[in-house]
Amino acid sequence: MIERNDVITSDREILGGVPVFRGTRVPVRSLLDHLAAGATLDAFLHDFPSVSREQAQALLDLASEALTAGASSR
């Protein structure tokens, strides 16, 4: 299971505490905004080369887990 702290960090000294990909100054929101605008994951990774594909995929996995936690199938 992916741990949030392995992928995301939040520190007042880095962008005022905005959640960023660990080891970068790239806000996690940037990935979600890119995807919402219709960009591909590859386009995001091209625009933010300090974020690894593994980090981006892990964030998407965490988001999926958070959104489906407790959901029941009928």
N, C-alpha and C. Protein backbone atom coordinates (compact mmCIF):
# COMPACT_ATOMS: atom_id res chain seq x y z
N MET A 1 0.85 -1.19 0.00
CA MET A 1 0.00 0.00 0.00
C MET A 1 0.89 1.25 0.00
N ILE A 2 0.49 2.20 -0.77
CA ILE A 2 1.23 3.45 -0.89
C ILE A 2 0.93 4.33 0.32
N GLU A 3 1.95 4.91 0.86
CA GLU A 3 1.78 5.82 1.99
C GLU A 3 1.85 7.25 1.48
N ARG A 4 0.93 8.07 1.94
CA ARG A 4 0.87 9.47 1.52
C ARG A 4 2.21 10.17 1.72
N ASN A 5 2.84 9.93 2.85
CA ASN A 5 4.09 10.61 3.16
C ASN A 5 5.25 10.20 2.26
N ASP A 6 5.11 9.09 1.55
CA ASP A 6 6.13 8.68 0.60
C ASP A 6 6.05 9.49 -0.68
N VAL A 7 4.90 10.10 -0.94
CA VAL A 7 4.66 10.79 -2.20
C VAL A 7 4.51 12.29 -2.03
N ILE A 8 3.86 12.70 -0.95
CA ILE A 8 3.50 14.11 -0.75
C ILE A 8 4.13 14.62 0.53
N THR A 9 4.54 15.87 0.49
CA THR A 9 5.02 16.53 1.69
C THR A 9 4.41 17.92 1.75
N SER A 10 4.28 18.44 2.95
CA SER A 10 3.76 19.78 3.16
C SER A 10 4.60 20.43 4.24
N ASP A 11 5.22 21.55 3.88
CA ASP A 11 6.14 22.25 4.79
C ASP A 11 5.92 23.75 4.60
N ARG A 12 5.73 24.45 5.69
CA ARG A 12 5.51 25.90 5.60
C ARG A 12 6.64 26.61 4.86
N GLU A 13 7.82 26.04 4.88
CA GLU A 13 8.97 26.65 4.22
C GLU A 13 8.99 26.41 2.70
N ILE A 14 8.15 25.51 2.23
CA ILE A 14 8.07 25.20 0.80
C ILE A 14 6.69 25.59 0.31
N LEU A 15 6.63 26.64 -0.46
CA LEU A 15 5.37 27.15 -1.02
C LEU A 15 4.30 27.38 0.03
N GLY A 16 4.72 27.80 1.20
CA GLY A 16 3.78 28.14 2.26
C GLY A 16 2.96 26.98 2.79
N GLY A 17 3.44 25.75 2.59
CA GLY A 17 2.75 24.58 3.12
C GLY A 17 1.83 23.89 2.13
N VAL A 18 1.81 24.38 0.89
CA VAL A 18 1.02 23.72 -0.15
C VAL A 18 1.57 22.30 -0.35
N PRO A 19 0.72 21.28 -0.41
CA PRO A 19 1.23 19.92 -0.63
C PRO A 19 1.97 19.82 -1.98
N VAL A 20 3.18 19.28 -1.92
CA VAL A 20 4.02 19.12 -3.11
C VAL A 20 4.49 17.67 -3.20
N PHE A 21 4.93 17.30 -4.40
CA PHE A 21 5.55 16.00 -4.56
C PHE A 21 6.85 15.99 -3.75
N ARG A 22 7.05 14.95 -2.96
CA ARG A 22 8.24 14.85 -2.11
C ARG A 22 9.50 15.03 -2.95
N GLY A 23 10.42 15.87 -2.43
CA GLY A 23 11.69 16.11 -3.10
C GLY A 23 11.62 17.14 -4.22
N THR A 24 10.45 17.77 -4.38
CA THR A 24 10.28 18.78 -5.41
C THR A 24 9.59 20.00 -4.82
N ARG A 25 9.39 20.99 -5.65
CA ARG A 25 8.57 22.15 -5.29
C ARG A 25 7.33 22.19 -6.18
N VAL A 26 6.95 21.05 -6.72
CA VAL A 26 5.82 20.96 -7.63
C VAL A 26 4.55 20.61 -6.84
N PRO A 27 3.59 21.52 -6.81
CA PRO A 27 2.34 21.23 -6.10
C PRO A 27 1.62 20.02 -6.70
N VAL A 28 1.06 19.17 -5.86
CA VAL A 28 0.33 18.02 -6.36
C VAL A 28 -0.88 18.48 -7.18
N ARG A 29 -1.39 19.62 -6.87
CA ARG A 29 -2.53 20.18 -7.60
C ARG A 29 -2.21 20.36 -9.09
N SER A 30 -0.94 20.59 -9.40
CA SER A 30 -0.53 20.77 -10.79
C SER A 30 -0.87 19.56 -11.64
N LEU A 31 -0.67 18.36 -11.10
CA LEU A 31 -1.01 17.15 -11.84
C LEU A 31 -2.51 17.08 -12.08
N LEU A 32 -3.28 17.33 -11.06
CA LEU A 32 -4.74 17.27 -11.20
C LEU A 32 -5.24 18.32 -12.17
N ASP A 33 -4.67 19.51 -12.11
CA ASP A 33 -5.07 20.57 -13.04
C ASP A 33 -4.73 20.21 -14.48
N HIS A 34 -3.57 19.64 -14.70
CA HIS A 34 -3.18 19.22 -16.05
C HIS A 34 -4.15 18.18 -16.59
N LEU A 35 -4.45 17.19 -15.79
CA LEU A 35 -5.35 16.13 -16.24
C LEU A 35 -6.76 16.67 -16.47
N ALA A 36 -7.22 17.56 -15.60
CA ALA A 36 -8.55 18.14 -15.76
C ALA A 36 -8.65 18.96 -17.05
N ALA A 37 -7.52 19.54 -17.45
CA ALA A 37 -7.50 20.35 -18.68
C ALA A 37 -7.36 19.49 -19.93
N GLY A 38 -7.26 18.18 -19.75
CA GLY A 38 -7.17 17.28 -20.89
C GLY A 38 -5.76 16.88 -21.28
N ALA A 39 -4.78 17.31 -20.51
CA ALA A 39 -3.39 16.94 -20.78
C ALA A 39 -3.15 15.48 -20.38
N THR A 40 -2.17 14.88 -20.99
CA THR A 40 -1.80 13.50 -20.65
C THR A 40 -0.81 13.51 -19.50
N LEU A 41 -0.63 12.34 -18.91
CA LEU A 41 0.38 12.19 -17.87
C LEU A 41 1.76 12.49 -18.45
N ASP A 42 2.01 12.05 -19.67
CA ASP A 42 3.30 12.33 -20.30
C ASP A 42 3.53 13.83 -20.47
N ALA A 43 2.49 14.57 -20.81
CA ALA A 43 2.63 16.03 -20.95
C ALA A 43 2.97 16.66 -19.60
N PHE A 44 2.31 16.20 -18.54
CA PHE A 44 2.62 16.71 -17.20
C PHE A 44 4.07 16.43 -16.85
N LEU A 45 4.51 15.21 -17.09
CA LEU A 45 5.89 14.84 -16.75
C LEU A 45 6.89 15.63 -17.58
N HIS A 46 6.53 15.97 -18.80
CA HIS A 46 7.40 16.81 -19.63
C HIS A 46 7.50 18.22 -19.05
N ASP A 47 6.36 18.75 -18.59
CA ASP A 47 6.32 20.09 -18.02
C ASP A 47 6.97 20.19 -16.65
N PHE A 48 7.00 19.07 -15.92
CA PHE A 48 7.55 19.04 -14.56
C PHE A 48 8.53 17.87 -14.43
N PRO A 49 9.71 18.00 -15.03
CA PRO A 49 10.67 16.88 -15.06
C PRO A 49 11.20 16.46 -13.69
N SER A 50 11.01 17.27 -12.67
CA SER A 50 11.48 16.86 -11.33
C SER A 50 10.55 15.85 -10.69
N VAL A 51 9.37 15.64 -11.26
CA VAL A 51 8.43 14.64 -10.76
C VAL A 51 8.62 13.37 -11.57
N SER A 52 8.80 12.26 -10.89
CA SER A 52 8.97 10.98 -11.59
C SER A 52 7.61 10.39 -11.96
N ARG A 53 7.62 9.53 -12.96
CA ARG A 53 6.40 8.84 -13.35
C ARG A 53 5.85 8.05 -12.15
N GLU A 54 6.74 7.44 -11.37
CA GLU A 54 6.30 6.66 -10.21
C GLU A 54 5.59 7.55 -9.19
N GLN A 55 6.11 8.75 -8.96
CA GLN A 55 5.46 9.68 -8.03
C GLN A 55 4.07 10.07 -8.53
N ALA A 56 3.99 10.40 -9.81
CA ALA A 56 2.70 10.82 -10.38
C ALA A 56 1.69 9.68 -10.30
N GLN A 57 2.10 8.48 -10.66
CA GLN A 57 1.19 7.34 -10.61
C GLN A 57 0.78 7.04 -9.17
N ALA A 58 1.71 7.16 -8.24
CA ALA A 58 1.39 6.92 -6.84
C ALA A 58 0.36 7.94 -6.34
N LEU A 59 0.50 9.19 -6.76
CA LEU A 59 -0.48 10.20 -6.36
C LEU A 59 -1.86 9.85 -6.90
N LEU A 60 -1.92 9.44 -8.16
CA LEU A 60 -3.21 9.05 -8.74
C LEU A 60 -3.80 7.84 -8.02
N ASP A 61 -2.95 6.90 -7.64
CA ASP A 61 -3.41 5.74 -6.88
C ASP A 61 -3.96 6.16 -5.52
N LEU A 62 -3.27 7.08 -4.85
CA LEU A 62 -3.74 7.58 -3.55
C LEU A 62 -5.08 8.29 -3.70
N ALA A 63 -5.22 9.09 -4.75
CA ALA A 63 -6.48 9.80 -4.98
C ALA A 63 -7.60 8.81 -5.23
N SER A 64 -7.33 7.79 -6.01
CA SER A 64 -8.33 6.77 -6.29
C SER A 64 -8.76 6.05 -5.01
N GLU A 65 -7.77 5.69 -4.20
CA GLU A 65 -8.08 5.02 -2.92
C GLU A 65 -8.93 5.91 -2.03
N ALA A 66 -8.58 7.20 -1.95
CA ALA A 66 -9.32 8.13 -1.10
C ALA A 66 -10.75 8.29 -1.58
N LEU A 67 -10.93 8.34 -2.89
CA LEU A 67 -12.27 8.56 -3.44
C LEU A 67 -13.16 7.34 -3.37
N THR A 68 -12.54 6.17 -3.35
CA THR A 68 -13.35 4.95 -3.34
C THR A 68 -13.39 4.26 -1.99
N ALA A 69 -12.70 4.80 -1.02
CA ALA A 69 -12.69 4.21 0.32
C ALA A 69 -14.11 4.18 0.88
N GLY A 70 -14.50 3.04 1.32
CA GLY A 70 -15.81 2.90 1.93
C GLY A 70 -16.95 2.75 0.94
N ALA A 71 -16.63 2.81 -0.35
CA ALA A 71 -17.68 2.63 -1.35
C ALA A 71 -18.11 1.17 -1.38
N SER A 72 -19.38 0.96 -1.50
CA SER A 72 -19.86 -0.41 -1.56
C SER A 72 -20.34 -0.71 -2.97
N SER A 73 -20.13 -1.94 -3.36
CA SER A 73 -20.64 -2.35 -4.68
C SER A 73 -22.03 -2.91 -4.49
N ARG A 74 -22.90 -2.62 -5.40
CA ARG A 74 -24.30 -3.08 -5.27
C ARG A 74 -24.61 -4.04 -6.35
